[in-house]
Amino acid sequence: MNQPTTRKPIDHALWLINNVEQGVTGMCTLPDGRTRDLPGPVAVGILTVRSNLAIASALVAVAEGLRGEE
């Protein structure tokens, strides 16, 4: 049995942000690299996810900055 990967909370947050972004990119892109034609509600959902990832990235940056001040 494999041991679980241990990460600091900040590293886990960055890993999660990057992992979700890769998944979203995979949903939006055809295998040949062209952009997939998405229905309106799907596009809105993907934009919402990307917006939330941007907010999460900003919060991680703030947390990293605060941690550096200690």
C-alpha atoms as a PDB file:
ATOM      1  CA  MET A   1       0.000   0.000   0.000  1.00  0.00           C
ATOM      2  CA  ASN A   2       1.297   3.470  -0.896  1.00  0.00           C
ATOM      3  CA  GLN A   3       1.807   6.063   1.773  1.00  0.00           C
ATOM      4  CA  PRO A   4      -0.329   9.182   1.299  1.00  0.00           C
ATOM      5  CA  THR A   5       1.472  12.288   0.116  1.00  0.00           C
ATOM      6  CA  THR A   6       2.025  14.750   2.932  1.00  0.00           C
ATOM      7  CA  ARG A   7       1.857  18.431   2.027  1.00  0.00           C
ATOM      8  CA  LYS A   8       1.799  21.681   3.908  1.00  0.00           C
ATOM      9  CA  PRO A   9      -1.633  23.363   3.699  1.00  0.00           C
ATOM     10  CA  ILE A  10      -0.297  26.023   1.326  1.00  0.00           C
ATOM     11  CA  ASP A  11       1.234  23.397  -0.963  1.00  0.00           C
ATOM     12  CA  HIS A  12      -1.999  21.422  -0.943  1.00  0.00           C
ATOM     13  CA  ALA A  13      -3.998  24.542  -1.852  1.00  0.00           C
ATOM     14  CA  LEU A  14      -1.683  25.244  -4.788  1.00  0.00           C
ATOM     15  CA  TRP A  15      -1.837  21.613  -5.909  1.00  0.00           C
ATOM     16  CA  LEU A  16      -5.633  21.674  -5.751  1.00  0.00           C
ATOM     17  CA  ILE A  17      -5.869  24.944  -7.713  1.00  0.00           C
ATOM     18  CA  ASN A  18      -3.557  23.594 -10.421  1.00  0.00           C
ATOM     19  CA  ASN A  19      -5.326  20.221 -10.551  1.00  0.00           C
ATOM     20  CA  VAL A  20      -8.769  21.804 -11.010  1.00  0.00           C
ATOM     21  CA  GLU A  21      -7.420  24.189 -13.657  1.00  0.00           C
ATOM     22  CA  GLN A  22      -5.965  21.261 -15.610  1.00  0.00           C
ATOM     23  CA  GLY A  23      -9.330  19.489 -15.442  1.00  0.00           C
ATOM     24  CA  VAL A  24     -11.202  22.566 -16.635  1.00  0.00           C
ATOM     25  CA  THR A  25      -8.727  23.052 -19.473  1.00  0.00           C
ATOM     26  CA  GLY A  26      -9.261  19.429 -20.454  1.00  0.00           C
ATOM     27  CA  MET A  27     -13.025  19.969 -20.641  1.00  0.00           C
ATOM     28  CA  CYS A  28     -12.632  23.089 -22.789  1.00  0.00           C
ATOM     29  CA  THR A  29     -10.077  21.773 -25.266  1.00  0.00           C
ATOM     30  CA  LEU A  30     -10.376  19.184 -28.024  1.00  0.00           C
ATOM     31  CA  PRO A  31      -7.607  16.565 -28.333  1.00  0.00           C
ATOM     32  CA  ASP A  32      -6.071  18.489 -31.250  1.00  0.00           C
ATOM     33  CA  GLY A  33      -5.753  21.646 -29.097  1.00  0.00           C
ATOM     34  CA  ARG A  34      -8.668  23.590 -30.564  1.00  0.00           C
ATOM     35  CA  THR A  35     -11.222  25.151 -28.243  1.00  0.00           C
ATOM     36  CA  ARG A  36     -14.384  23.108 -27.743  1.00  0.00           C
ATOM     37  CA  ASP A  37     -17.746  24.731 -28.597  1.00  0.00           C
ATOM     38  CA  LEU A  38     -19.534  24.769 -25.241  1.00  0.00           C
ATOM     39  CA  PRO A  39     -23.206  25.460 -24.488  1.00  0.00           C
ATOM     40  CA  GLY A  40     -23.918  28.696 -22.597  1.00  0.00           C
ATOM     41  CA  PRO A  41     -24.599  27.177 -19.151  1.00  0.00           C
ATOM     42  CA  VAL A  42     -21.432  25.069 -19.345  1.00  0.00           C
ATOM     43  CA  ALA A  43     -19.367  28.107 -20.328  1.00  0.00           C
ATOM     44  CA  VAL A  44     -20.815  30.082 -17.405  1.00  0.00           C
ATOM     45  CA  GLY A  45     -19.987  27.218 -15.036  1.00  0.00           C
ATOM     46  CA  ILE A  46     -16.416  27.059 -16.289  1.00  0.00           C
ATOM     47  CA  LEU A  47     -16.011  30.822 -15.958  1.00  0.00           C
ATOM     48  CA  THR A  48     -17.335  30.550 -12.399  1.00  0.00           C
ATOM     49  CA  VAL A  49     -14.794  27.854 -11.571  1.00  0.00           C
ATOM     50  CA  ARG A  50     -11.956  29.917 -13.052  1.00  0.00           C
ATOM     51  CA  SER A  51     -13.141  32.981 -11.139  1.00  0.00           C
ATOM     52  CA  ASN A  52     -13.149  30.981  -7.909  1.00  0.00           C
ATOM     53  CA  LEU A  53      -9.665  29.677  -8.682  1.00  0.00           C
ATOM     54  CA  ALA A  54      -8.444  33.243  -9.172  1.00  0.00           C
ATOM     55  CA  ILE A  55      -9.878  34.182  -5.773  1.00  0.00           C
ATOM     56  CA  ALA A  56      -8.287  31.103  -4.207  1.00  0.00           C
ATOM     57  CA  SER A  57      -4.935  31.974  -5.779  1.00  0.00           C
ATOM     58  CA  ALA A  58      -5.148  35.489  -4.346  1.00  0.00           C
ATOM     59  CA  LEU A  59      -5.958  34.115  -0.894  1.00  0.00           C
ATOM     60  CA  VAL A  60      -3.014  31.719  -1.103  1.00  0.00           C
ATOM     61  CA  ALA A  61      -0.751  34.644  -2.031  1.00  0.00           C
ATOM     62  CA  VAL A  62      -2.012  36.657   0.948  1.00  0.00           C
ATOM     63  CA  ALA A  63      -1.552  33.680   3.286  1.00  0.00           C
ATOM     64  CA  GLU A  64       1.960  33.157   1.956  1.00  0.00           C
ATOM     65  CA  GLY A  65       2.738  36.845   2.524  1.00  0.00           C
ATOM     66  CA  LEU A  66       1.400  36.752   6.069  1.00  0.00           C
ATOM     67  CA  ARG A  67       3.308  33.583   6.805  1.00  0.00           C
ATOM     68  CA  GLY A  68       6.509  35.277   5.628  1.00  0.00           C
ATOM     69  CA  GLU A  69       6.028  38.090   8.143  1.00  0.00           C
ATOM     70  CA  GLU A  70       6.177  35.737  11.140  1.00  0.00           C
END
